[in-house]
Amino acid sequence: MKTPTEVLTAELRGCCNGYVGAPALASQCVAALRAAGWIIVREDAIKLAQAHAKG
């Protein structure tokens, strides 16, 4: 499973023609979101919680 930073790095590289600053920017974005109180979870965790809630 990839970390939020790894996923964001891959997305930045994909949309910005191999942007070399992607890892640093991704780390800063994830850190800023967490510092602001955001909780970052993987999509599979959301799907698991939704399936559990449905019963």
N, C-alpha and C. Protein backbone atom coordinates (compact mmCIF):
# COMPACT_ATOMS: atom_id res chain seq x y z
N MET A 1 0.83 -1.17 0.00
CA MET A 1 0.00 0.00 0.00
C MET A 1 0.88 1.25 0.00
N LYS A 2 0.51 2.19 -0.81
CA LYS A 2 1.29 3.42 -0.90
C LYS A 2 0.82 4.43 0.13
N THR A 3 1.75 5.24 0.60
CA THR A 3 1.41 6.30 1.54
C THR A 3 0.77 7.46 0.79
N PRO A 4 0.07 8.36 1.50
CA PRO A 4 -0.50 9.53 0.83
C PRO A 4 0.55 10.34 0.07
N THR A 5 1.74 10.44 0.62
CA THR A 5 2.80 11.21 -0.04
C THR A 5 3.23 10.53 -1.34
N GLU A 6 3.33 9.21 -1.34
CA GLU A 6 3.71 8.48 -2.56
C GLU A 6 2.65 8.63 -3.64
N VAL A 7 1.38 8.56 -3.24
CA VAL A 7 0.30 8.70 -4.21
C VAL A 7 0.30 10.10 -4.80
N LEU A 8 0.42 11.11 -3.95
CA LEU A 8 0.43 12.49 -4.43
C LEU A 8 1.65 12.76 -5.31
N THR A 9 2.79 12.20 -4.96
CA THR A 9 3.99 12.35 -5.78
C THR A 9 3.76 11.81 -7.18
N ALA A 10 3.17 10.62 -7.27
CA ALA A 10 2.90 10.01 -8.57
C ALA A 10 1.92 10.85 -9.38
N GLU A 11 0.90 11.39 -8.72
CA GLU A 11 -0.08 12.23 -9.42
C GLU A 11 0.57 13.51 -9.93
N LEU A 12 1.41 14.13 -9.12
CA LEU A 12 2.08 15.36 -9.55
C LEU A 12 3.01 15.10 -10.72
N ARG A 13 3.74 14.00 -10.67
CA ARG A 13 4.65 13.67 -11.77
C ARG A 13 3.87 13.39 -13.04
N GLY A 14 2.72 12.74 -12.91
CA GLY A 14 1.92 12.39 -14.08
C GLY A 14 1.31 13.59 -14.76
N CYS A 15 0.91 14.59 -14.01
CA CYS A 15 0.24 15.74 -14.63
C CYS A 15 1.18 16.89 -14.93
N CYS A 16 2.40 16.82 -14.47
CA CYS A 16 3.35 17.93 -14.67
C CYS A 16 4.59 17.50 -15.43
N ASN A 17 4.44 16.55 -16.35
CA ASN A 17 5.55 16.09 -17.19
C ASN A 17 6.80 15.72 -16.40
N GLY A 18 6.65 14.84 -15.43
CA GLY A 18 7.80 14.37 -14.68
C GLY A 18 8.38 15.40 -13.74
N TYR A 19 7.55 16.22 -13.15
CA TYR A 19 7.99 17.30 -12.25
C TYR A 19 8.96 16.77 -11.20
N VAL A 20 10.20 17.25 -11.23
CA VAL A 20 11.24 16.74 -10.34
C VAL A 20 11.04 17.16 -8.88
N GLY A 21 10.28 18.21 -8.65
CA GLY A 21 10.02 18.65 -7.28
C GLY A 21 8.82 17.98 -6.65
N ALA A 22 8.26 16.99 -7.33
CA ALA A 22 7.04 16.34 -6.85
C ALA A 22 7.17 15.74 -5.45
N PRO A 23 8.24 15.00 -5.13
CA PRO A 23 8.32 14.42 -3.78
C PRO A 23 8.30 15.46 -2.67
N ALA A 24 9.06 16.54 -2.84
CA ALA A 24 9.10 17.58 -1.81
C ALA A 24 7.76 18.29 -1.69
N LEU A 25 7.15 18.60 -2.83
CA LEU A 25 5.85 19.27 -2.81
C LEU A 25 4.78 18.38 -2.19
N ALA A 26 4.80 17.10 -2.53
CA ALA A 26 3.84 16.16 -1.95
C ALA A 26 3.99 16.07 -0.44
N SER A 27 5.21 16.00 0.04
CA SER A 27 5.46 15.95 1.49
C SER A 27 4.95 17.20 2.18
N GLN A 28 5.18 18.34 1.57
CA GLN A 28 4.72 19.61 2.15
C GLN A 28 3.20 19.69 2.17
N CYS A 29 2.56 19.24 1.11
CA CYS A 29 1.10 19.26 1.04
C CYS A 29 0.48 18.36 2.09
N VAL A 30 0.99 17.14 2.21
CA VAL A 30 0.46 16.19 3.20
C VAL A 30 0.69 16.73 4.61
N ALA A 31 1.86 17.27 4.87
CA ALA A 31 2.16 17.82 6.20
C ALA A 31 1.25 19.01 6.51
N ALA A 32 1.01 19.87 5.53
CA ALA A 32 0.15 21.03 5.74
C ALA A 32 -1.29 20.61 6.01
N LEU A 33 -1.77 19.62 5.27
CA LEU A 33 -3.13 19.13 5.50
C LEU A 33 -3.27 18.53 6.90
N ARG A 34 -2.30 17.75 7.30
CA ARG A 34 -2.35 17.14 8.63
C ARG A 34 -2.26 18.21 9.72
N ALA A 35 -1.41 19.21 9.52
CA ALA A 35 -1.28 20.30 10.50
C ALA A 35 -2.58 21.09 10.62
N ALA A 36 -3.33 21.17 9.54
CA ALA A 36 -4.60 21.89 9.55
C ALA A 36 -5.74 21.05 10.13
N GLY A 37 -5.43 19.82 10.52
CA GLY A 37 -6.42 18.98 11.16
C GLY A 37 -7.11 17.98 10.24
N TRP A 38 -6.68 17.91 9.00
CA TRP A 38 -7.27 16.94 8.06
C TRP A 38 -6.78 15.55 8.40
N ILE A 39 -7.64 14.59 8.24
CA ILE A 39 -7.27 13.19 8.41
C ILE A 39 -7.21 12.56 7.02
N ILE A 40 -6.08 12.01 6.68
CA ILE A 40 -5.87 11.45 5.35
C ILE A 40 -5.94 9.93 5.44
N VAL A 41 -6.87 9.34 4.70
CA VAL A 41 -7.01 7.89 4.69
C VAL A 41 -6.99 7.39 3.25
N ARG A 42 -6.65 6.12 3.09
CA ARG A 42 -6.63 5.52 1.76
C ARG A 42 -8.06 5.19 1.33
N GLU A 43 -8.25 5.09 0.03
CA GLU A 43 -9.57 4.81 -0.52
C GLU A 43 -10.09 3.46 -0.05
N ASP A 44 -9.22 2.47 0.09
CA ASP A 44 -9.69 1.16 0.52
C ASP A 44 -10.23 1.19 1.95
N ALA A 45 -9.70 2.06 2.78
CA ALA A 45 -10.22 2.20 4.14
C ALA A 45 -11.63 2.81 4.13
N ILE A 46 -11.87 3.74 3.23
CA ILE A 46 -13.19 4.34 3.10
C ILE A 46 -14.19 3.30 2.62
N LYS A 47 -13.81 2.53 1.61
CA LYS A 47 -14.70 1.49 1.08
C LYS A 47 -15.02 0.44 2.14
N LEU A 48 -14.03 0.07 2.94
CA LEU A 48 -14.24 -0.90 4.00
C LEU A 48 -15.23 -0.36 5.04
N ALA A 49 -15.08 0.88 5.41
CA ALA A 49 -15.99 1.50 6.38
C ALA A 49 -17.40 1.60 5.82
N GLN A 50 -17.52 1.94 4.54
CA GLN A 50 -18.85 2.03 3.93
C GLN A 50 -19.51 0.65 3.86
N ALA A 51 -18.76 -0.38 3.54
CA ALA A 51 -19.31 -1.73 3.47
C ALA A 51 -19.75 -2.19 4.86
N HIS A 52 -18.97 -1.85 5.87
CA HIS A 52 -19.31 -2.22 7.24
C HIS A 52 -20.58 -1.51 7.70
N ALA A 53 -20.73 -0.24 7.30
CA ALA A 53 -21.90 0.55 7.70
C ALA A 53 -23.19 0.00 7.06
N LYS A 54 -23.06 -0.55 5.86
CA LYS A 54 -24.22 -1.10 5.17
C LYS A 54 -24.71 -2.39 5.80
N GLY A 55 -23.81 -3.05 6.50
CA GLY A 55 -24.20 -4.26 7.21
C GLY A 55 -23.93 -5.45 6.44
